[in-house]
mmCIF file of all heavy atoms, coordinates in Angstrom:
data_MODEL
# 
_entry.id   MODEL 
# 
loop_
_atom_site.group_PDB 
_atom_site.id 
_atom_site.type_symbol 
_atom_site.label_atom_id 
_atom_site.label_alt_id 
_atom_site.label_comp_id 
_atom_site.label_asym_id 
_atom_site.label_entity_id 
_atom_site.label_seq_id 
_atom_site.pdbx_PDB_ins_code 
_atom_site.Cartn_x 
_atom_site.Cartn_y 
_atom_site.Cartn_z 
_atom_site.occupancy 
_atom_site.B_iso_or_equiv 
_atom_site.pdbx_formal_charge 
_atom_site.auth_seq_id 
_atom_site.auth_comp_id 
_atom_site.auth_asym_id 
_atom_site.auth_atom_id 
_atom_site.pdbx_PDB_model_num 
ATOM 1   N N   . SER A 1 1  ? 16.665 -0.790 2.032   1.00 0.00 ? 1  SER A N   1 
ATOM 2   C CA  . SER A 1 1  ? 15.819 0.360  1.721   1.00 0.00 ? 1  SER A CA  1 
ATOM 3   C C   . SER A 1 1  ? 16.008 0.888  0.305   1.00 0.00 ? 1  SER A C   1 
ATOM 4   O O   . SER A 1 1  ? 15.188 1.664  -0.170  1.00 0.00 ? 1  SER A O   1 
ATOM 5   C CB  . SER A 1 1  ? 16.097 1.489  2.716   1.00 0.00 ? 1  SER A CB  1 
ATOM 6   O OG  . SER A 1 1  ? 17.463 1.882  2.648   1.00 0.00 ? 1  SER A OG  1 
ATOM 7   N N   . ALA A 1 2  ? 17.088 0.478  -0.376  1.00 0.00 ? 2  ALA A N   1 
ATOM 8   C CA  . ALA A 1 2  ? 17.376 1.031  -1.701  1.00 0.00 ? 2  ALA A CA  1 
ATOM 9   C C   . ALA A 1 2  ? 16.469 0.409  -2.755  1.00 0.00 ? 2  ALA A C   1 
ATOM 10  O O   . ALA A 1 2  ? 16.247 -0.808 -2.775  1.00 0.00 ? 2  ALA A O   1 
ATOM 11  C CB  . ALA A 1 2  ? 18.836 0.791  -2.070  1.00 0.00 ? 2  ALA A CB  1 
ATOM 12  N N   . VAL A 1 3  ? 15.937 1.245  -3.635  1.00 0.00 ? 3  VAL A N   1 
ATOM 13  C CA  . VAL A 1 3  ? 15.119 0.775  -4.757  1.00 0.00 ? 3  VAL A CA  1 
ATOM 14  C C   . VAL A 1 3  ? 15.669 1.367  -6.049  1.00 0.00 ? 3  VAL A C   1 
ATOM 15  O O   . VAL A 1 3  ? 16.305 2.420  -6.046  1.00 0.00 ? 3  VAL A O   1 
ATOM 16  C CB  . VAL A 1 3  ? 13.637 1.160  -4.581  1.00 0.00 ? 3  VAL A CB  1 
ATOM 17  C CG1 . VAL A 1 3  ? 13.003 0.368  -3.454  1.00 0.00 ? 3  VAL A CG1 1 
ATOM 18  C CG2 . VAL A 1 3  ? 13.479 2.658  -4.327  1.00 0.00 ? 3  VAL A CG2 1 
ATOM 19  N N   . THR A 1 4  ? 15.392 0.669  -7.160  1.00 0.00 ? 4  THR A N   1 
ATOM 20  C CA  . THR A 1 4  ? 15.953 1.044  -8.455  1.00 0.00 ? 4  THR A CA  1 
ATOM 21  C C   . THR A 1 4  ? 14.849 1.386  -9.442  1.00 0.00 ? 4  THR A C   1 
ATOM 22  O O   . THR A 1 4  ? 13.816 0.703  -9.475  1.00 0.00 ? 4  THR A O   1 
ATOM 23  C CB  . THR A 1 4  ? 16.799 -0.114 -9.021  1.00 0.00 ? 4  THR A CB  1 
ATOM 24  O OG1 . THR A 1 4  ? 17.798 -0.468 -8.059  1.00 0.00 ? 4  THR A OG1 1 
ATOM 25  C CG2 . THR A 1 4  ? 17.476 0.284  -10.322 1.00 0.00 ? 4  THR A CG2 1 
ATOM 26  N N   . ALA A 1 5  ? 15.074 2.410  -10.227 1.00 0.00 ? 5  ALA A N   1 
ATOM 27  C CA  . ALA A 1 5  ? 14.101 2.813  -11.243 1.00 0.00 ? 5  ALA A CA  1 
ATOM 28  C C   . ALA A 1 5  ? 13.811 1.648  -12.192 1.00 0.00 ? 5  ALA A C   1 
ATOM 29  O O   . ALA A 1 5  ? 14.717 0.927  -12.595 1.00 0.00 ? 5  ALA A O   1 
ATOM 30  C CB  . ALA A 1 5  ? 14.633 4.009  -12.028 1.00 0.00 ? 5  ALA A CB  1 
ATOM 31  N N   . GLY A 1 6  ? 12.545 1.483  -12.540 1.00 0.00 ? 6  GLY A N   1 
ATOM 32  C CA  . GLY A 1 6  ? 12.162 0.449  -13.497 1.00 0.00 ? 6  GLY A CA  1 
ATOM 33  C C   . GLY A 1 6  ? 11.717 -0.846 -12.860 1.00 0.00 ? 6  GLY A C   1 
ATOM 34  O O   . GLY A 1 6  ? 11.214 -1.731 -13.556 1.00 0.00 ? 6  GLY A O   1 
ATOM 35  N N   . THR A 1 7  ? 11.908 -1.000 -11.542 1.00 0.00 ? 7  THR A N   1 
ATOM 36  C CA  . THR A 1 7  ? 11.415 -2.203 -10.873 1.00 0.00 ? 7  THR A CA  1 
ATOM 37  C C   . THR A 1 7  ? 9.974  -1.968 -10.429 1.00 0.00 ? 7  THR A C   1 
ATOM 38  O O   . THR A 1 7  ? 9.534  -0.828 -10.267 1.00 0.00 ? 7  THR A O   1 
ATOM 39  C CB  . THR A 1 7  ? 12.293 -2.575 -9.673  1.00 0.00 ? 7  THR A CB  1 
ATOM 40  O OG1 . THR A 1 7  ? 12.366 -1.465 -8.769  1.00 0.00 ? 7  THR A OG1 1 
ATOM 41  C CG2 . THR A 1 7  ? 13.714 -2.887 -10.135 1.00 0.00 ? 7  THR A CG2 1 
ATOM 42  N N   . ARG A 1 8  ? 9.217  -3.061 -10.204 1.00 0.00 ? 8  ARG A N   1 
ATOM 43  C CA  . ARG A 1 8  ? 7.781  -2.939 -10.000 1.00 0.00 ? 8  ARG A CA  1 
ATOM 44  C C   . ARG A 1 8  ? 7.371  -3.383 -8.590  1.00 0.00 ? 8  ARG A C   1 
ATOM 45  O O   . ARG A 1 8  ? 7.774  -4.444 -8.124  1.00 0.00 ? 8  ARG A O   1 
ATOM 46  C CB  . ARG A 1 8  ? 7.039  -3.779 -11.037 1.00 0.00 ? 8  ARG A CB  1 
ATOM 47  C CG  . ARG A 1 8  ? 5.523  -3.577 -11.034 1.00 0.00 ? 8  ARG A CG  1 
ATOM 48  C CD  . ARG A 1 8  ? 4.848  -4.477 -12.042 1.00 0.00 ? 8  ARG A CD  1 
ATOM 49  N NE  . ARG A 1 8  ? 5.242  -4.198 -13.407 1.00 0.00 ? 8  ARG A NE  1 
ATOM 50  C CZ  . ARG A 1 8  ? 4.693  -3.264 -14.171 1.00 0.00 ? 8  ARG A CZ  1 
ATOM 51  N NH1 . ARG A 1 8  ? 3.714  -2.509 -13.685 1.00 0.00 ? 8  ARG A NH1 1 
ATOM 52  N NH2 . ARG A 1 8  ? 5.100  -3.082 -15.411 1.00 0.00 ? 8  ARG A NH2 1 
ATOM 53  N N   . VAL A 1 9  ? 6.564  -2.565 -7.944  1.00 0.00 ? 9  VAL A N   1 
ATOM 54  C CA  . VAL A 1 9  ? 5.985  -2.929 -6.654  1.00 0.00 ? 9  VAL A CA  1 
ATOM 55  C C   . VAL A 1 9  ? 4.812  -3.862 -6.901  1.00 0.00 ? 9  VAL A C   1 
ATOM 56  O O   . VAL A 1 9  ? 3.891  -3.530 -7.661  1.00 0.00 ? 9  VAL A O   1 
ATOM 57  C CB  . VAL A 1 9  ? 5.520  -1.677 -5.883  1.00 0.00 ? 9  VAL A CB  1 
ATOM 58  C CG1 . VAL A 1 9  ? 4.736  -2.056 -4.640  1.00 0.00 ? 9  VAL A CG1 1 
ATOM 59  C CG2 . VAL A 1 9  ? 6.721  -0.816 -5.503  1.00 0.00 ? 9  VAL A CG2 1 
ATOM 60  N N   . ILE A 1 10 ? 4.831  -5.038 -6.287  1.00 0.00 ? 10 ILE A N   1 
ATOM 61  C CA  . ILE A 1 10 ? 3.760  -6.009 -6.541  1.00 0.00 ? 10 ILE A CA  1 
ATOM 62  C C   . ILE A 1 10 ? 2.844  -6.199 -5.335  1.00 0.00 ? 10 ILE A C   1 
ATOM 63  O O   . ILE A 1 10 ? 1.856  -6.934 -5.430  1.00 0.00 ? 10 ILE A O   1 
ATOM 64  C CB  . ILE A 1 10 ? 4.341  -7.376 -6.986  1.00 0.00 ? 10 ILE A CB  1 
ATOM 65  C CG1 . ILE A 1 10 ? 5.278  -7.956 -5.927  1.00 0.00 ? 10 ILE A CG1 1 
ATOM 66  C CG2 . ILE A 1 10 ? 5.054  -7.243 -8.313  1.00 0.00 ? 10 ILE A CG2 1 
ATOM 67  C CD1 . ILE A 1 10 ? 5.810  -9.333 -6.289  1.00 0.00 ? 10 ILE A CD1 1 
ATOM 68  N N   . SER A 1 11 ? 3.165  -5.536 -4.212  1.00 0.00 ? 11 SER A N   1 
ATOM 69  C CA  . SER A 1 11 ? 2.234  -5.561 -3.087  1.00 0.00 ? 11 SER A CA  1 
ATOM 70  C C   . SER A 1 11 ? 2.543  -4.398 -2.158  1.00 0.00 ? 11 SER A C   1 
ATOM 71  O O   . SER A 1 11 ? 3.679  -3.937 -2.074  1.00 0.00 ? 11 SER A O   1 
ATOM 72  C CB  . SER A 1 11 ? 2.341  -6.881 -2.311  1.00 0.00 ? 11 SER A CB  1 
ATOM 73  O OG  . SER A 1 11 ? 3.538  -6.949 -1.569  1.00 0.00 ? 11 SER A OG  1 
ATOM 74  N N   . ASP A 1 12 ? 1.513  -3.900 -1.520  1.00 0.00 ? 12 ASP A N   1 
ATOM 75  C CA  . ASP A 1 12 ? 1.631  -2.859 -0.501  1.00 0.00 ? 12 ASP A CA  1 
ATOM 76  C C   . ASP A 1 12 ? 1.991  -1.490 -1.092  1.00 0.00 ? 12 ASP A C   1 
ATOM 77  O O   . ASP A 1 12 ? 1.920  -1.278 -2.304  1.00 0.00 ? 12 ASP A O   1 
ATOM 78  C CB  . ASP A 1 12 ? 2.633  -3.274 0.570   1.00 0.00 ? 12 ASP A CB  1 
ATOM 79  C CG  . ASP A 1 12 ? 2.235  -4.584 1.234   1.00 0.00 ? 12 ASP A CG  1 
ATOM 80  O OD1 . ASP A 1 12 ? 1.182  -4.615 1.870   1.00 0.00 ? 12 ASP A OD1 1 
ATOM 81  O OD2 . ASP A 1 12 ? 2.982  -5.575 1.082   1.00 0.00 ? 12 ASP A OD2 1 
ATOM 82  N N   . ARG A 1 13 ? 2.432  -0.598 -0.231  1.00 0.00 ? 13 ARG A N   1 
ATOM 83  C CA  . ARG A 1 13 ? 2.663  0.796  -0.603  1.00 0.00 ? 13 ARG A CA  1 
ATOM 84  C C   . ARG A 1 13 ? 3.909  1.310  0.110   1.00 0.00 ? 13 ARG A C   1 
ATOM 85  O O   . ARG A 1 13 ? 4.119  1.032  1.283   1.00 0.00 ? 13 ARG A O   1 
ATOM 86  C CB  . ARG A 1 13 ? 1.445  1.645  -0.199  1.00 0.00 ? 13 ARG A CB  1 
ATOM 87  C CG  . ARG A 1 13 ? 1.594  3.156  -0.368  1.00 0.00 ? 13 ARG A CG  1 
ATOM 88  C CD  . ARG A 1 13 ? 0.356  3.831  0.214   1.00 0.00 ? 13 ARG A CD  1 
ATOM 89  N NE  . ARG A 1 13 ? 0.387  5.276  0.057   1.00 0.00 ? 13 ARG A NE  1 
ATOM 90  C CZ  . ARG A 1 13 ? 1.002  6.110  0.901   1.00 0.00 ? 13 ARG A CZ  1 
ATOM 91  N NH1 . ARG A 1 13 ? 1.658  5.611  1.951   1.00 0.00 ? 13 ARG A NH1 1 
ATOM 92  N NH2 . ARG A 1 13 ? 0.965  7.412  0.700   1.00 0.00 ? 13 ARG A NH2 1 
ATOM 93  N N   . ILE A 1 14 ? 4.740  2.045  -0.620  1.00 0.00 ? 14 ILE A N   1 
ATOM 94  C CA  . ILE A 1 14 ? 5.939  2.632  -0.027  1.00 0.00 ? 14 ILE A CA  1 
ATOM 95  C C   . ILE A 1 14 ? 6.074  4.086  -0.462  1.00 0.00 ? 14 ILE A C   1 
ATOM 96  O O   . ILE A 1 14 ? 5.531  4.501  -1.503  1.00 0.00 ? 14 ILE A O   1 
ATOM 97  C CB  . ILE A 1 14 ? 7.230  1.870  -0.427  1.00 0.00 ? 14 ILE A CB  1 
ATOM 98  C CG1 . ILE A 1 14 ? 7.320  1.711  -1.963  1.00 0.00 ? 14 ILE A CG1 1 
ATOM 99  C CG2 . ILE A 1 14 ? 7.305  0.521  0.262   1.00 0.00 ? 14 ILE A CG2 1 
ATOM 100 C CD1 . ILE A 1 14 ? 8.608  1.048  -2.425  1.00 0.00 ? 14 ILE A CD1 1 
ATOM 101 N N   . VAL A 1 15 ? 6.773  4.840  0.352   1.00 0.00 ? 15 VAL A N   1 
ATOM 102 C CA  . VAL A 1 15 ? 7.129  6.216  0.010   1.00 0.00 ? 15 VAL A CA  1 
ATOM 103 C C   . VAL A 1 15 ? 8.634  6.249  -0.203  1.00 0.00 ? 15 VAL A C   1 
ATOM 104 O O   . VAL A 1 15 ? 9.401  5.768  0.646   1.00 0.00 ? 15 VAL A O   1 
ATOM 105 C CB  . VAL A 1 15 ? 6.712  7.194  1.123   1.00 0.00 ? 15 VAL A CB  1 
ATOM 106 C CG1 . VAL A 1 15 ? 7.131  8.617  0.754   1.00 0.00 ? 15 VAL A CG1 1 
ATOM 107 C CG2 . VAL A 1 15 ? 5.210  7.123  1.356   1.00 0.00 ? 15 VAL A CG2 1 
ATOM 108 N N   . VAL A 1 16 ? 9.055  6.808  -1.331  1.00 0.00 ? 16 VAL A N   1 
ATOM 109 C CA  . VAL A 1 16 ? 10.459 6.765  -1.738  1.00 0.00 ? 16 VAL A CA  1 
ATOM 110 C C   . VAL A 1 16 ? 11.010 8.182  -1.865  1.00 0.00 ? 16 VAL A C   1 
ATOM 111 O O   . VAL A 1 16 ? 10.371 9.056  -2.462  1.00 0.00 ? 16 VAL A O   1 
ATOM 112 C CB  . VAL A 1 16 ? 10.613 6.022  -3.087  1.00 0.00 ? 16 VAL A CB  1 
ATOM 113 C CG1 . VAL A 1 16 ? 12.068 6.049  -3.557  1.00 0.00 ? 16 VAL A CG1 1 
ATOM 114 C CG2 . VAL A 1 16 ? 10.112 4.588  -2.961  1.00 0.00 ? 16 VAL A CG2 1 
ATOM 115 N N   . ARG A 1 17 ? 12.191 8.392  -1.291  1.00 0.00 ? 17 ARG A N   1 
ATOM 116 C CA  . ARG A 1 17 ? 12.908 9.653  -1.488  1.00 0.00 ? 17 ARG A CA  1 
ATOM 117 C C   . ARG A 1 17 ? 13.920 9.465  -2.613  1.00 0.00 ? 17 ARG A C   1 
ATOM 118 O O   . ARG A 1 17 ? 14.755 8.555  -2.581  1.00 0.00 ? 17 ARG A O   1 
ATOM 119 C CB  . ARG A 1 17 ? 13.637 10.088 -0.223  1.00 0.00 ? 17 ARG A CB  1 
ATOM 120 C CG  . ARG A 1 17 ? 14.378 11.435 -0.403  1.00 0.00 ? 17 ARG A CG  1 
ATOM 121 C CD  . ARG A 1 17 ? 15.288 11.753 0.756   1.00 0.00 ? 17 ARG A CD  1 
ATOM 122 N NE  . ARG A 1 17 ? 14.549 11.923 2.003   1.00 0.00 ? 17 ARG A NE  1 
ATOM 123 C CZ  . ARG A 1 17 ? 14.711 11.172 3.073   1.00 0.00 ? 17 ARG A CZ  1 
ATOM 124 N NH1 . ARG A 1 17 ? 15.587 10.159 3.051   1.00 0.00 ? 17 ARG A NH1 1 
ATOM 125 N NH2 . ARG A 1 17 ? 14.020 11.402 4.172   1.00 0.00 ? 17 ARG A NH2 1 
ATOM 126 N N   . VAL A 1 18 ? 13.862 10.300 -3.646  1.00 0.00 ? 18 VAL A N   1 
ATOM 127 C CA  . VAL A 1 18 ? 14.750 10.201 -4.810  1.00 0.00 ? 18 VAL A CA  1 
ATOM 128 C C   . VAL A 1 18 ? 16.173 10.572 -4.398  1.00 0.00 ? 18 VAL A C   1 
ATOM 129 O O   . VAL A 1 18 ? 16.390 11.578 -3.707  1.00 0.00 ? 18 VAL A O   1 
ATOM 130 C CB  . VAL A 1 18 ? 14.261 11.124 -5.952  1.00 0.00 ? 18 VAL A CB  1 
ATOM 131 C CG1 . VAL A 1 18 ? 15.204 11.065 -7.146  1.00 0.00 ? 18 VAL A CG1 1 
ATOM 132 C CG2 . VAL A 1 18 ? 12.850 10.725 -6.374  1.00 0.00 ? 18 VAL A CG2 1 
ATOM 133 N N   . THR A 1 19 ? 17.141 9.763  -4.823  1.00 0.00 ? 19 THR A N   1 
ATOM 134 C CA  . THR A 1 19 ? 18.540 9.994  -4.418  1.00 0.00 ? 19 THR A CA  1 
ATOM 135 C C   . THR A 1 19 ? 19.451 10.355 -5.589  1.00 0.00 ? 19 THR A C   1 
ATOM 136 O O   . THR A 1 19 ? 20.645 10.557 -5.386  1.00 0.00 ? 19 THR A O   1 
ATOM 137 C CB  . THR A 1 19 ? 19.108 8.744  -3.721  1.00 0.00 ? 19 THR A CB  1 
ATOM 138 O OG1 . THR A 1 19 ? 18.980 7.617  -4.602  1.00 0.00 ? 19 THR A OG1 1 
ATOM 139 C CG2 . THR A 1 19 ? 18.371 8.445  -2.426  1.00 0.00 ? 19 THR A CG2 1 
ATOM 140 N N   . GLN A 1 20 ? 18.914 10.407 -6.812  1.00 0.00 ? 20 GLN A N   1 
ATOM 141 C CA  . GLN A 1 20 ? 19.753 10.702 -7.973  1.00 0.00 ? 20 GLN A CA  1 
ATOM 142 C C   . GLN A 1 20 ? 19.097 11.762 -8.846  1.00 0.00 ? 20 GLN A C   1 
ATOM 143 O O   . GLN A 1 20 ? 17.869 11.835 -8.943  1.00 0.00 ? 20 GLN A O   1 
ATOM 144 C CB  . GLN A 1 20 ? 19.981 9.438  -8.821  1.00 0.00 ? 20 GLN A CB  1 
ATOM 145 C CG  . GLN A 1 20 ? 20.745 8.337  -8.114  1.00 0.00 ? 20 GLN A CG  1 
ATOM 146 C CD  . GLN A 1 20 ? 22.194 8.702  -7.886  1.00 0.00 ? 20 GLN A CD  1 
ATOM 147 O OE1 . GLN A 1 20 ? 22.748 9.552  -8.585  1.00 0.00 ? 20 GLN A OE1 1 
ATOM 148 N NE2 . GLN A 1 20 ? 22.830 8.061  -6.917  1.00 0.00 ? 20 GLN A NE2 1 
ATOM 149 N N   . GLU A 1 21 ? 19.952 12.563 -9.495  1.00 0.00 ? 21 GLU A N   1 
ATOM 150 C CA  . GLU A 1 21 ? 19.455 13.516 -10.486 1.00 0.00 ? 21 GLU A CA  1 
ATOM 151 C C   . GLU A 1 21 ? 19.113 12.776 -11.780 1.00 0.00 ? 21 GLU A C   1 
ATOM 152 O O   . GLU A 1 21 ? 19.604 11.668 -12.017 1.00 0.00 ? 21 GLU A O   1 
ATOM 153 C CB  . GLU A 1 21 ? 20.512 14.595 -10.758 1.00 0.00 ? 21 GLU A CB  1 
ATOM 154 C CG  . GLU A 1 21 ? 20.855 15.459 -9.560  1.00 0.00 ? 21 GLU A CG  1 
ATOM 155 C CD  . GLU A 1 21 ? 19.721 16.372 -9.124  1.00 0.00 ? 21 GLU A CD  1 
ATOM 156 O OE1 . GLU A 1 21 ? 18.757 16.526 -9.907  1.00 0.00 ? 21 GLU A OE1 1 
ATOM 157 O OE2 . GLU A 1 21 ? 19.777 16.900 -8.005  1.00 0.00 ? 21 GLU A OE2 1 
ATOM 158 N N   . PRO A 1 22 ? 18.281 13.357 -12.654 1.00 0.00 ? 22 PRO A N   1 
ATOM 159 C CA  . PRO A 1 22 ? 17.927 12.700 -13.925 1.00 0.00 ? 22 PRO A CA  1 
ATOM 160 C C   . PRO A 1 22 ? 19.162 12.368 -14.746 1.00 0.00 ? 22 PRO A C   1 
ATOM 161 O O   . PRO A 1 22 ? 20.103 13.166 -14.840 1.00 0.00 ? 22 PRO A O   1 
ATOM 162 C CB  . PRO A 1 22 ? 17.058 13.753 -14.629 1.00 0.00 ? 22 PRO A CB  1 
ATOM 163 C CG  . PRO A 1 22 ? 16.512 14.599 -13.529 1.00 0.00 ? 22 PRO A CG  1 
ATOM 164 C CD  . PRO A 1 22 ? 17.570 14.639 -12.472 1.00 0.00 ? 22 PRO A CD  1 
ATOM 165 N N   . GLY A 1 23 ? 19.167 11.184 -15.325 1.00 0.00 ? 23 GLY A N   1 
ATOM 166 C CA  . GLY A 1 23 ? 20.275 10.762 -16.181 1.00 0.00 ? 23 GLY A CA  1 
ATOM 167 C C   . GLY A 1 23 ? 21.485 10.252 -15.434 1.00 0.00 ? 23 GLY A C   1 
ATOM 168 O O   . GLY A 1 23 ? 22.473 9.859  -16.054 1.00 0.00 ? 23 GLY A O   1 
ATOM 169 N N   . GLN A 1 24 ? 21.445 10.267 -14.096 1.00 0.00 ? 24 GLN A N   1 
ATOM 170 C CA  . GLN A 1 24 ? 22.587 9.829  -13.304 1.00 0.00 ? 24 GLN A CA  1 
ATOM 171 C C   . GLN A 1 24 ? 22.268 8.620  -12.437 1.00 0.00 ? 24 GLN A C   1 
ATOM 172 O O   . GLN A 1 24 ? 23.041 8.248  -11.565 1.00 0.00 ? 24 GLN A O   1 
ATOM 173 C CB  . GLN A 1 24 ? 23.074 10.972 -12.397 1.00 0.00 ? 24 GLN A CB  1 
ATOM 174 C CG  . GLN A 1 24 ? 23.543 12.192 -13.163 1.00 0.00 ? 24 GLN A CG  1 
ATOM 175 C CD  . GLN A 1 24 ? 23.960 13.315 -12.235 1.00 0.00 ? 24 GLN A CD  1 
ATOM 176 O OE1 . GLN A 1 24 ? 23.963 13.169 -11.019 1.00 0.00 ? 24 GLN A OE1 1 
ATOM 177 N NE2 . GLN A 1 24 ? 24.308 14.455 -12.814 1.00 0.00 ? 24 GLN A NE2 1 
ATOM 178 N N   . GLY A 1 25 ? 21.126 8.000  -12.679 1.00 0.00 ? 25 GLY A N   1 
ATOM 179 C CA  . GLY A 1 25 ? 20.707 6.878  -11.861 1.00 0.00 ? 25 GLY A CA  1 
ATOM 180 C C   . GLY A 1 25 ? 21.478 5.607  -12.143 1.00 0.00 ? 25 GLY A C   1 
ATOM 181 O O   . GLY A 1 25 ? 22.284 5.514  -13.077 1.00 0.00 ? 25 GLY A O   1 
ATOM 182 N N   . PHE A 1 26 ? 21.184 4.609  -11.332 1.00 0.00 ? 26 PHE A N   1 
ATOM 183 C CA  . PHE A 1 26 ? 21.847 3.303  -11.430 1.00 0.00 ? 26 PHE A CA  1 
ATOM 184 C C   . PHE A 1 26 ? 21.674 2.721  -12.829 1.00 0.00 ? 26 PHE A C   1 
ATOM 185 O O   . PHE A 1 26 ? 22.615 2.251  -13.457 1.00 0.00 ? 26 PHE A O   1 
ATOM 186 C CB  . PHE A 1 26 ? 21.237 2.393  -10.365 1.00 0.00 ? 26 PHE A CB  1 
ATOM 187 C CG  . PHE A 1 26 ? 21.837 1.030  -10.293 1.00 0.00 ? 26 PHE A CG  1 
ATOM 188 C CD1 . PHE A 1 26 ? 23.065 0.828  -9.689  1.00 0.00 ? 26 PHE A CD1 1 
ATOM 189 C CD2 . PHE A 1 26 ? 21.181 -0.064 -10.812 1.00 0.00 ? 26 PHE A CD2 1 
ATOM 190 C CE1 . PHE A 1 26 ? 23.618 -0.433 -9.613  1.00 0.00 ? 26 PHE A CE1 1 
ATOM 191 C CE2 . PHE A 1 26 ? 21.723 -1.326 -10.731 1.00 0.00 ? 26 PHE A CE2 1 
ATOM 192 C CZ  . PHE A 1 26 ? 22.946 -1.509 -10.127 1.00 0.00 ? 26 PHE A CZ  1 
ATOM 193 N N   . LEU A 1 27 ? 20.442 2.755  -13.330 1.00 0.00 ? 27 LEU A N   1 
ATOM 194 C CA  . LEU A 1 27 ? 20.153 2.182  -14.644 1.00 0.00 ? 27 LEU A CA  1 
ATOM 195 C C   . LEU A 1 27 ? 20.832 2.963  -15.758 1.00 0.00 ? 27 LEU A C   1 
ATOM 196 O O   . LEU A 1 27 ? 21.318 2.385  -16.735 1.00 0.00 ? 27 LEU A O   1 
ATOM 197 C CB  . LEU A 1 27 ? 18.636 2.145  -14.856 1.00 0.00 ? 27 LEU A CB  1 
ATOM 198 C CG  . LEU A 1 27 ? 18.095 1.044  -15.759 1.00 0.00 ? 27 LEU A CG  1 
ATOM 199 C CD1 . LEU A 1 27 ? 18.533 -0.319 -15.268 1.00 0.00 ? 27 LEU A CD1 1 
ATOM 200 C CD2 . LEU A 1 27 ? 16.587 1.106  -15.822 1.00 0.00 ? 27 LEU A CD2 1 
ATOM 201 N N   . ASP A 1 28 ? 20.893 4.296  -15.624 1.00 0.00 ? 28 ASP A N   1 
ATOM 202 C CA  . ASP A 1 28 ? 21.563 5.120  -16.639 1.00 0.00 ? 28 ASP A CA  1 
ATOM 203 C C   . ASP A 1 28 ? 23.049 4.767  -16.737 1.00 0.00 ? 28 ASP A C   1 
ATOM 204 O O   . ASP A 1 28 ? 23.594 4.630  -17.831 1.00 0.00 ? 28 ASP A O   1 
ATOM 205 C CB  . ASP A 1 28 ? 21.414 6.611  -16.293 1.00 0.00 ? 28 ASP A CB  1 
ATOM 206 C CG  . ASP A 1 28 ? 19.972 7.058  -16.308 1.00 0.00 ? 28 ASP A CG  1 
ATOM 207 O OD1 . ASP A 1 28 ? 19.367 7.070  -17.384 1.00 0.00 ? 28 ASP A OD1 1 
ATOM 208 O OD2 . ASP A 1 28 ? 19.450 7.395  -15.235 1.00 0.00 ? 28 ASP A OD2 1 
ATOM 209 N N   . ARG A 1 29 ? 23.696 4.615  -15.579 1.00 0.00 ? 29 ARG A N   1 
ATOM 210 C CA  . ARG A 1 29 ? 25.118 4.270  -15.589 1.00 0.00 ? 29 ARG A CA  1 
ATOM 211 C C   . ARG A 1 29 ? 25.328 2.862  -16.133 1.00 0.00 ? 29 ARG A C   1 
ATOM 212 O O   . ARG A 1 29 ? 26.296 2.601  -16.849 1.00 0.00 ? 29 ARG A O   1 
ATOM 213 C CB  . ARG A 1 29 ? 25.692 4.378  -14.171 1.00 0.00 ? 29 ARG A CB  1 
ATOM 214 C CG  . ARG A 1 29 ? 25.699 5.780  -13.616 1.00 0.00 ? 29 ARG A CG  1 
ATOM 215 C CD  . ARG A 1 29 ? 26.650 5.890  -12.427 1.00 0.00 ? 29 ARG A CD  1 
ATOM 216 N NE  . ARG A 1 29 ? 26.364 4.908  -11.421 1.00 0.00 ? 29 ARG A NE  1 
ATOM 217 C CZ  . ARG A 1 29 ? 25.486 5.078  -10.442 1.00 0.00 ? 29 ARG A CZ  1 
ATOM 218 N NH1 . ARG A 1 29 ? 24.805 6.202  -10.368 1.00 0.00 ? 29 ARG A NH1 1 
ATOM 219 N NH2 . ARG A 1 29 ? 25.294 4.138  -9.537  1.00 0.00 ? 29 ARG A NH2 1 
ATOM 220 N N   . MET A 1 30 ? 24.422 1.981  -15.791 1.00 0.00 ? 30 MET A N   1 
ATOM 221 C CA  . MET A 1 30 ? 24.529 0.606  -16.262 1.00 0.00 ? 30 MET A CA  1 
ATOM 222 C C   . MET A 1 30 ? 24.441 0.561  -17.787 1.00 0.00 ? 30 MET A C   1 
ATOM 223 O O   . MET A 1 30 ? 25.219 -0.114 -18.459 1.00 0.00 ? 30 MET A O   1 
ATOM 224 C CB  . MET A 1 30 ? 23.419 -0.230 -15.633 1.00 0.00 ? 30 MET A CB  1 
ATOM 225 C CG  . MET A 1 30 ? 23.579 -1.725 -15.797 1.00 0.00 ? 30 MET A CG  1 
ATOM 226 S SD  . MET A 1 30 ? 22.367 -2.563 -14.760 1.00 0.00 ? 30 MET A SD  1 
ATOM 227 C CE  . MET A 1 30 ? 22.798 -4.267 -15.117 1.00 0.00 ? 30 MET A CE  1 
# 
């Protein structure tokens, strides 16, 4: 169920609940 900012949905539709505050996401830490 986990999704990462910056990745692209290429089919269908999903609803996502945000789990990180701005600047603290997976990509920011990386």
